[in-house]
Amino acid sequence: MQIEDKPTFSVRAMNESLQEVFPDKPHDSDRTVKRALVGEFITYKMCRIIHQERNSEIVKQERAEFAHYIYEEGLREQRIYVEEMGFNLYTSRTYGRAPRGQRVHKIVGGQRGNNITFIAAISNTSGLVYHETYNQSVKKEYFTDFVTSLEAILRACDNPVTVILMDNASFHRNLLEHFPNLNIKKLNPHSPFSNPIANALSVLKDRIKNISMMYAMLGQLEEKD
């Protein structure tokens, strides 16, 4: 129960809590508590932050409504998912290898370079529809310009049953005021798995990190030569 309520508890803090809950029982060492955790297949790993409302009843109901929409209407529509991704020119892989008991260190410069924003739209029928790249962090006016260009593309395609789906980011608000002719639908909150383009951009970012690592290795080889 302590693990579920306080997963970031240290072994020492956990042992002290057990002594407070069971004062009449013999006290065990921190090492004994650690062995007991390992025996229950409870390991120490990176902690992921999850919003407290992610699995609330309201959010679950909204997910069910979205699934009902996809089943009843969405399967007959051309769905275009829009998402943005930010990264740095000097981005690199966040995991590495080192001998057991040693940390992974990577020497980097003091300047990280420019931030890049990549905005894309993909369709469930034809893949990538449109994309733009900006040499700085995303802003509402950039996103508005992107949707303006996307609207022109959709108008040329003349597809009357196209719906544009996007998440609830702050710069996605009030888009209907600027684009009354577009059928824009917001995805339910705290549900990134409802947006397939998020997975696509995740793969793209991983490829960019691999390419960045390759160029860094080539630069090191040139310096040695």
C-alpha atoms as a PDB file:
ATOM      1  CA  MET A   1       0.000   0.000   0.000  1.00  0.00           C
ATOM      2  CA  GLN A   2       2.890   2.359   0.756  1.00  0.00           C
ATOM      3  CA  ILE A   3       4.354   1.710  -2.668  1.00  0.00           C
ATOM      4  CA  GLU A   4       1.099   2.712  -4.382  1.00  0.00           C
ATOM      5  CA  ASP A   5       0.566   5.836  -2.275  1.00  0.00           C
ATOM      6  CA  LYS A   6       4.185   7.006  -2.141  1.00  0.00           C
ATOM      7  CA  PRO A   7       6.229   5.335  -4.889  1.00  0.00           C
ATOM      8  CA  THR A   8       9.155   7.768  -4.442  1.00  0.00           C
ATOM      9  CA  PHE A   9       9.706   6.767  -0.799  1.00  0.00           C
ATOM     10  CA  SER A  10      13.300   5.852  -0.024  1.00  0.00           C
ATOM     11  CA  VAL A  11      13.976   2.504   1.623  1.00  0.00           C
ATOM     12  CA  ARG A  12      14.898   4.261   4.860  1.00  0.00           C
ATOM     13  CA  ALA A  13      11.706   6.351   4.887  1.00  0.00           C
ATOM     14  CA  MET A  14       9.689   3.232   4.107  1.00  0.00           C
ATOM     15  CA  ASN A  15      11.300   1.354   6.977  1.00  0.00           C
ATOM     16  CA  GLU A  16      10.643   4.216   9.390  1.00  0.00           C
ATOM     17  CA  SER A  17       7.006   4.312   8.298  1.00  0.00           C
ATOM     18  CA  LEU A  18       6.681   0.568   8.893  1.00  0.00           C
ATOM     19  CA  GLN A  19       8.088   1.016  12.386  1.00  0.00           C
ATOM     20  CA  GLU A  20       5.482   3.698  13.102  1.00  0.00           C
ATOM     21  CA  VAL A  21       2.632   1.551  11.787  1.00  0.00           C
ATOM     22  CA  PHE A  22       3.811  -1.608  13.592  1.00  0.00           C
ATOM     23  CA  PRO A  23       5.605  -0.367  16.764  1.00  0.00           C
ATOM     24  CA  ASP A  24       5.208  -3.687  18.600  1.00  0.00           C
ATOM     25  CA  LYS A  25       6.896  -5.796  15.930  1.00  0.00           C
ATOM     26  CA  PRO A  26      10.670  -6.332  15.623  1.00  0.00           C
ATOM     27  CA  HIS A  27      12.407  -3.711  13.542  1.00  0.00           C
ATOM     28  CA  ASP A  28      14.217  -4.822  10.385  1.00  0.00           C
ATOM     29  CA  SER A  29      17.207  -3.192   8.762  1.00  0.00           C
ATOM     30  CA  ASP A  30      16.911  -1.128   5.585  1.00  0.00           C
ATOM     31  CA  ARG A  31      18.727  -3.893   3.714  1.00  0.00           C
ATOM     32  CA  THR A  32      16.088  -6.429   4.808  1.00  0.00           C
ATOM     33  CA  VAL A  33      13.320  -4.140   3.542  1.00  0.00           C
ATOM     34  CA  LYS A  34      15.146  -3.752   0.241  1.00  0.00           C
ATOM     35  CA  ARG A  35      15.501  -7.533  -0.149  1.00  0.00           C
ATOM     36  CA  ALA A  36      11.782  -7.916   0.594  1.00  0.00           C
ATOM     37  CA  LEU A  37      10.947  -5.453  -2.187  1.00  0.00           C
ATOM     38  CA  VAL A  38      13.153  -7.317  -4.651  1.00  0.00           C
ATOM     39  CA  GLY A  39      11.493 -10.567  -3.601  1.00  0.00           C
ATOM     40  CA  GLU A  40       8.130  -9.042  -4.564  1.00  0.00           C
ATOM     41  CA  PHE A  41       9.576  -7.967  -7.951  1.00  0.00           C
ATOM     42  CA  ILE A  42       9.349  -4.300  -6.976  1.00  0.00           C
ATOM     43  CA  THR A  43      12.301  -2.534  -8.593  1.00  0.00           C
ATOM     44  CA  TYR A  44      13.709   0.992  -8.560  1.00  0.00           C
ATOM     45  CA  LYS A  45      13.131   2.850 -11.833  1.00  0.00           C
ATOM     46  CA  MET A  46      12.492   6.254 -13.359  1.00  0.00           C
ATOM     47  CA  CYS A  47       9.318   7.926 -12.097  1.00  0.00           C
ATOM     48  CA  ARG A  48       6.742   9.060 -14.648  1.00  0.00           C
ATOM     49  CA  ILE A  49       4.546  12.048 -13.806  1.00  0.00           C
ATOM     50  CA  ILE A  50       0.822  11.385 -14.368  1.00  0.00           C
ATOM     51  CA  HIS A  51      -1.789  14.101 -13.973  1.00  0.00           C
ATOM     52  CA  GLN A  52      -4.221  13.369 -11.168  1.00  0.00           C
ATOM     53  CA  GLU A  53      -7.207  13.839 -13.510  1.00  0.00           C
ATOM     54  CA  ARG A  54      -5.874  11.476 -16.166  1.00  0.00           C
ATOM     55  CA  ASN A  55      -8.080   8.583 -15.087  1.00  0.00           C
ATOM     56  CA  SER A  56     -10.890  10.512 -13.429  1.00  0.00           C
ATOM     57  CA  GLU A  57     -14.466   9.464 -14.121  1.00  0.00           C
ATOM     58  CA  ILE A  58     -15.091  12.584 -16.234  1.00  0.00           C
ATOM     59  CA  VAL A  59     -12.079  11.891 -18.447  1.00  0.00           C
ATOM     60  CA  LYS A  60     -13.068   8.226 -18.809  1.00  0.00           C
ATOM     61  CA  GLN A  61     -16.547   9.304 -19.885  1.00  0.00           C
ATOM     62  CA  GLU A  62     -15.090  11.690 -22.463  1.00  0.00           C
ATOM     63  CA  ARG A  63     -12.901   8.890 -23.806  1.00  0.00           C
ATOM     64  CA  ALA A  64     -15.967   6.674 -24.169  1.00  0.00           C
ATOM     65  CA  GLU A  65     -17.789   9.466 -26.022  1.00  0.00           C
ATOM     66  CA  PHE A  66     -14.830   9.925 -28.364  1.00  0.00           C
ATOM     67  CA  ALA A  67     -14.699   6.177 -29.062  1.00  0.00           C
ATOM     68  CA  HIS A  68     -18.437   6.264 -29.790  1.00  0.00           C
ATOM     69  CA  TYR A  69     -17.897   9.171 -32.204  1.00  0.00           C
ATOM     70  CA  ILE A  70     -15.145   7.286 -34.053  1.00  0.00           C
ATOM     71  CA  TYR A  71     -17.340   4.210 -34.366  1.00  0.00           C
ATOM     72  CA  GLU A  72     -20.501   6.048 -35.425  1.00  0.00           C
ATOM     73  CA  GLU A  73     -19.119   8.913 -37.544  1.00  0.00           C
ATOM     74  CA  GLY A  74     -15.336   9.040 -37.648  1.00  0.00           C
ATOM     75  CA  LEU A  75     -14.896   5.845 -39.657  1.00  0.00           C
ATOM     76  CA  ARG A  76     -16.854   7.449 -42.514  1.00  0.00           C
ATOM     77  CA  GLU A  77     -14.882  10.702 -42.435  1.00  0.00           C
ATOM     78  CA  GLN A  78     -11.435  11.702 -43.560  1.00  0.00           C
ATOM     79  CA  ARG A  79      -9.753  12.442 -40.240  1.00  0.00           C
ATOM     80  CA  ILE A  80      -6.780  14.781 -40.200  1.00  0.00           C
ATOM     81  CA  TYR A  81      -4.776  14.855 -36.987  1.00  0.00           C
ATOM     82  CA  VAL A  82      -2.717  17.976 -36.255  1.00  0.00           C
ATOM     83  CA  GLU A  83       0.136  18.158 -33.757  1.00  0.00           C
ATOM     84  CA  GLU A  84       3.313  20.144 -33.130  1.00  0.00           C
ATOM     85  CA  MET A  85       6.704  19.003 -31.874  1.00  0.00           C
ATOM     86  CA  GLY A  86       9.465  21.126 -30.400  1.00  0.00           C
ATOM     87  CA  PHE A  87      13.122  20.175 -30.193  1.00  0.00           C
ATOM     88  CA  ASN A  88      16.583  21.707 -30.208  1.00  0.00           C
ATOM     89  CA  LEU A  89      19.122  21.579 -33.004  1.00  0.00           C
ATOM     90  CA  TYR A  90      21.562  19.944 -30.600  1.00  0.00           C
ATOM     91  CA  THR A  91      19.108  17.318 -29.415  1.00  0.00           C
ATOM     92  CA  SER A  92      20.593  13.925 -28.632  1.00  0.00           C
ATOM     93  CA  ARG A  93      19.660  10.569 -27.195  1.00  0.00           C
ATOM     94  CA  THR A  94      18.791  10.696 -23.499  1.00  0.00           C
ATOM     95  CA  TYR A  95      19.923   7.129 -22.754  1.00  0.00           C
ATOM     96  CA  GLY A  96      23.451   5.764 -22.993  1.00  0.00           C
ATOM     97  CA  ARG A  97      25.749   3.008 -21.746  1.00  0.00           C
ATOM     98  CA  ALA A  98      28.382   2.907 -19.032  1.00  0.00           C
ATOM     99  CA  PRO A  99      29.942   0.274 -16.758  1.00  0.00           C
ATOM    100  CA  ARG A 100      27.764  -0.955 -13.906  1.00  0.00           C
ATOM    101  CA  GLY A 101      27.766   1.488 -11.016  1.00  0.00           C
ATOM    102  CA  GLN A 102      28.849   4.461 -13.151  1.00  0.00           C
ATOM    103  CA  ARG A 103      26.769   7.258 -14.600  1.00  0.00           C
ATOM    104  CA  VAL A 104      26.539   8.047 -18.299  1.00  0.00           C
ATOM    105  CA  HIS A 105      28.258  11.372 -19.011  1.00  0.00           C
ATOM    106  CA  LYS A 106      28.214  13.340 -22.235  1.00  0.00           C
ATOM    107  CA  ILE A 107      30.244  16.498 -22.768  1.00  0.00           C
ATOM    108  CA  VAL A 108      28.243  19.291 -24.472  1.00  0.00           C
ATOM    109  CA  GLY A 109      28.861  22.935 -25.239  1.00  0.00           C
ATOM    110  CA  GLY A 110      27.445  25.819 -23.270  1.00  0.00           C
ATOM    111  CA  GLN A 111      25.177  26.968 -26.121  1.00  0.00           C
ATOM    112  CA  ARG A 112      22.337  24.671 -27.098  1.00  0.00           C
ATOM    113  CA  GLY A 113      21.444  26.386 -30.368  1.00  0.00           C
ATOM    114  CA  ASN A 114      18.047  27.285 -31.757  1.00  0.00           C
ATOM    115  CA  ASN A 115      14.735  25.712 -30.862  1.00  0.00           C
ATOM    116  CA  ILE A 116      12.815  24.175 -33.745  1.00  0.00           C
ATOM    117  CA  THR A 117       9.059  23.728 -34.000  1.00  0.00           C
ATOM    118  CA  PHE A 118       7.659  21.164 -36.424  1.00  0.00           C
ATOM    119  CA  ILE A 119       3.895  21.236 -37.112  1.00  0.00           C
ATOM    120  CA  ALA A 120       2.321  18.482 -39.164  1.00  0.00           C
ATOM    121  CA  ALA A 121      -1.042  17.145 -40.276  1.00  0.00           C
ATOM    122  CA  ILE A 122      -1.607  13.498 -41.173  1.00  0.00           C
ATOM    123  CA  SER A 123      -4.675  11.838 -42.623  1.00  0.00           C
ATOM    124  CA  ASN A 124      -6.072   8.418 -41.858  1.00  0.00           C
ATOM    125  CA  THR A 125      -6.368   7.811 -45.613  1.00  0.00           C
ATOM    126  CA  SER A 126      -3.334   9.456 -47.250  1.00  0.00           C
ATOM    127  CA  GLY A 127      -0.643   9.882 -44.577  1.00  0.00           C
ATOM    128  CA  LEU A 128       1.217  13.183 -44.358  1.00  0.00           C
ATOM    129  CA  VAL A 129      -0.934  16.029 -45.685  1.00  0.00           C
ATOM    130  CA  TYR A 130       1.095  19.134 -44.834  1.00  0.00           C
ATOM    131  CA  HIS A 131       3.887  20.296 -42.555  1.00  0.00           C
ATOM    132  CA  GLU A 132       5.788  23.452 -41.629  1.00  0.00           C
ATOM    133  CA  THR A 133       8.976  24.132 -39.689  1.00  0.00           C
ATOM    134  CA  TYR A 134       9.763  27.228 -37.613  1.00  0.00           C
ATOM    135  CA  ASN A 135      13.148  28.217 -36.224  1.00  0.00           C
ATOM    136  CA  GLN A 136      11.793  29.036 -32.789  1.00  0.00           C
ATOM    137  CA  SER A 137       9.263  27.853 -30.229  1.00  0.00           C
ATOM    138  CA  VAL A 138       5.640  27.510 -31.252  1.00  0.00           C
ATOM    139  CA  LYS A 139       3.366  30.557 -31.045  1.00  0.00           C
ATOM    140  CA  LYS A 140      -0.331  30.998 -31.661  1.00  0.00           C
ATOM    141  CA  GLU A 141       0.226  33.095 -34.800  1.00  0.00           C
ATOM    142  CA  TYR A 142       2.431  30.353 -36.272  1.00  0.00           C
ATOM    143  CA  PHE A 143      -0.203  27.750 -35.648  1.00  0.00           C
ATOM    144  CA  THR A 144      -2.871  30.021 -37.150  1.00  0.00           C
ATOM    145  CA  ASP A 145      -0.730  30.433 -40.281  1.00  0.00           C
ATOM    146  CA  PHE A 146      -0.339  26.664 -40.466  1.00  0.00           C
ATOM    147  CA  VAL A 147      -4.098  26.068 -40.282  1.00  0.00           C
ATOM    148  CA  THR A 148      -4.616  28.764 -42.943  1.00  0.00           C
ATOM    149  CA  SER A 149      -2.360  26.853 -45.339  1.00  0.00           C
ATOM    150  CA  LEU A 150      -3.995  23.555 -44.390  1.00  0.00           C
ATOM    151  CA  GLU A 151      -7.434  25.030 -45.105  1.00  0.00           C
ATOM    152  CA  ALA A 152      -6.289  26.055 -48.599  1.00  0.00           C
ATOM    153  CA  ILE A 153      -5.073  22.511 -49.277  1.00  0.00           C
ATOM    154  CA  LEU A 154      -8.347  20.980 -48.095  1.00  0.00           C
ATOM    155  CA  ARG A 155     -10.328  23.461 -50.180  1.00  0.00           C
ATOM    156  CA  ALA A 156      -8.391  22.366 -53.258  1.00  0.00           C
ATOM    157  CA  CYS A 157      -9.135  18.719 -52.466  1.00  0.00           C
ATOM    158  CA  ASP A 158     -12.846  19.546 -52.121  1.00  0.00           C
ATOM    159  CA  ASN A 159     -13.554  16.855 -49.544  1.00  0.00           C
ATOM    160  CA  PRO A 160     -16.748  17.826 -47.630  1.00  0.00           C
ATOM    161  CA  VAL A 161     -16.420  15.135 -44.940  1.00  0.00           C
ATOM    162  CA  THR A 162     -13.039  16.126 -43.533  1.00  0.00           C
ATOM    163  CA  VAL A 163     -12.683  16.646 -39.795  1.00  0.00           C
ATOM    164  CA  ILE A 164      -9.562  18.120 -38.188  1.00  0.00           C
ATOM    165  CA  LEU A 165      -8.669  16.725 -34.776  1.00  0.00           C
ATOM    166  CA  MET A 166      -6.211  18.292 -32.338  1.00  0.00           C
ATOM    167  CA  ASP A 167      -5.511  18.371 -28.630  1.00  0.00           C
ATOM    168  CA  ASN A 168      -6.434  21.090 -26.126  1.00  0.00           C
ATOM    169  CA  ALA A 169      -3.203  23.129 -26.176  1.00  0.00           C
ATOM    170  CA  SER A 170      -3.653  26.797 -25.284  1.00  0.00           C
ATOM    171  CA  PHE A 171      -2.830  28.039 -28.810  1.00  0.00           C
ATOM    172  CA  HIS A 172      -5.478  25.698 -30.269  1.00  0.00           C
ATOM    173  CA  ARG A 173      -8.274  27.654 -28.622  1.00  0.00           C
ATOM    174  CA  ASN A 174     -10.683  29.966 -30.460  1.00  0.00           C
ATOM    175  CA  LEU A 175      -9.695  28.535 -33.853  1.00  0.00           C
ATOM    176  CA  LEU A 176     -13.333  28.347 -34.934  1.00  0.00           C
ATOM    177  CA  GLU A 177     -13.485  32.143 -34.779  1.00  0.00           C
ATOM    178  CA  HIS A 178     -10.755  32.345 -37.427  1.00  0.00           C
ATOM    179  CA  PHE A 179     -11.809  29.287 -39.436  1.00  0.00           C
ATOM    180  CA  PRO A 180     -15.632  28.986 -39.336  1.00  0.00           C
ATOM    181  CA  ASN A 181     -15.655  26.819 -42.462  1.00  0.00           C
ATOM    182  CA  LEU A 182     -13.475  24.099 -40.959  1.00  0.00           C
ATOM    183  CA  ASN A 183     -14.823  21.128 -39.057  1.00  0.00           C
ATOM    184  CA  ILE A 184     -12.496  21.180 -36.019  1.00  0.00           C
ATOM    185  CA  LYS A 185     -12.921  18.687 -33.216  1.00  0.00           C
ATOM    186  CA  LYS A 186     -10.914  18.684 -29.995  1.00  0.00           C
ATOM    187  CA  LEU A 187      -9.555  15.439 -28.630  1.00  0.00           C
ATOM    188  CA  ASN A 188     -10.444  14.439 -25.086  1.00  0.00           C
ATOM    189  CA  PRO A 189      -7.939  15.653 -22.454  1.00  0.00           C
ATOM    190  CA  HIS A 190      -5.192  13.506 -20.893  1.00  0.00           C
ATOM    191  CA  SER A 191      -5.502  10.942 -23.703  1.00  0.00           C
ATOM    192  CA  PRO A 192      -2.480  11.184 -26.037  1.00  0.00           C
ATOM    193  CA  PHE A 193      -3.192   7.664 -27.307  1.00  0.00           C
ATOM    194  CA  SER A 194      -6.276   9.105 -29.076  1.00  0.00           C
ATOM    195  CA  ASN A 195      -3.957  11.097 -31.350  1.00  0.00           C
ATOM    196  CA  PRO A 196      -1.941   8.801 -33.669  1.00  0.00           C
ATOM    197  CA  ILE A 197       0.222  11.667 -34.950  1.00  0.00           C
ATOM    198  CA  ALA A 198       1.765  11.910 -31.467  1.00  0.00           C
ATOM    199  CA  ASN A 199       3.288   8.459 -32.003  1.00  0.00           C
ATOM    200  CA  ALA A 200       4.466   9.456 -35.488  1.00  0.00           C
ATOM    201  CA  LEU A 201       6.222  12.562 -34.177  1.00  0.00           C
ATOM    202  CA  SER A 202       7.785  10.532 -31.378  1.00  0.00           C
ATOM    203  CA  VAL A 203       9.356   8.213 -33.968  1.00  0.00           C
ATOM    204  CA  LEU A 204      10.500  11.223 -36.002  1.00  0.00           C
ATOM    205  CA  LYS A 205      12.149  12.805 -32.973  1.00  0.00           C
ATOM    206  CA  ASP A 206      13.957   9.553 -32.220  1.00  0.00           C
ATOM    207  CA  ARG A 207      15.261   9.458 -35.812  1.00  0.00           C
ATOM    208  CA  ILE A 208      16.457  13.062 -35.469  1.00  0.00           C
ATOM    209  CA  LYS A 209      18.340  12.130 -32.299  1.00  0.00           C
ATOM    210  CA  ASN A 210      19.999   9.217 -34.111  1.00  0.00           C
ATOM    211  CA  ILE A 211      21.033  11.480 -37.002  1.00  0.00           C
ATOM    212  CA  SER A 212      22.363  14.067 -34.552  1.00  0.00           C
ATOM    213  CA  MET A 213      24.436  11.361 -32.876  1.00  0.00           C
ATOM    214  CA  MET A 214      25.834  10.204 -36.237  1.00  0.00           C
ATOM    215  CA  TYR A 215      26.903  13.741 -37.175  1.00  0.00           C
ATOM    216  CA  ALA A 216      28.531  14.162 -33.763  1.00  0.00           C
ATOM    217  CA  MET A 217      30.519  10.942 -34.307  1.00  0.00           C
ATOM    218  CA  LEU A 218      31.578  12.081 -37.778  1.00  0.00           C
ATOM    219  CA  GLY A 219      32.734  15.394 -36.322  1.00  0.00           C
ATOM    220  CA  GLN A 220      34.853  13.589 -33.736  1.00  0.00           C
ATOM    221  CA  LEU A 221      36.437  11.431 -36.458  1.00  0.00           C
ATOM    222  CA  GLU A 222      37.269  14.512 -38.545  1.00  0.00           C
ATOM    223  CA  GLU A 223      38.925  16.138 -35.521  1.00  0.00           C
ATOM    224  CA  LYS A 224      41.101  13.052 -35.012  1.00  0.00           C
ATOM    225  CA  ASP A 225      42.144  13.081 -38.666  1.00  0.00           C
END
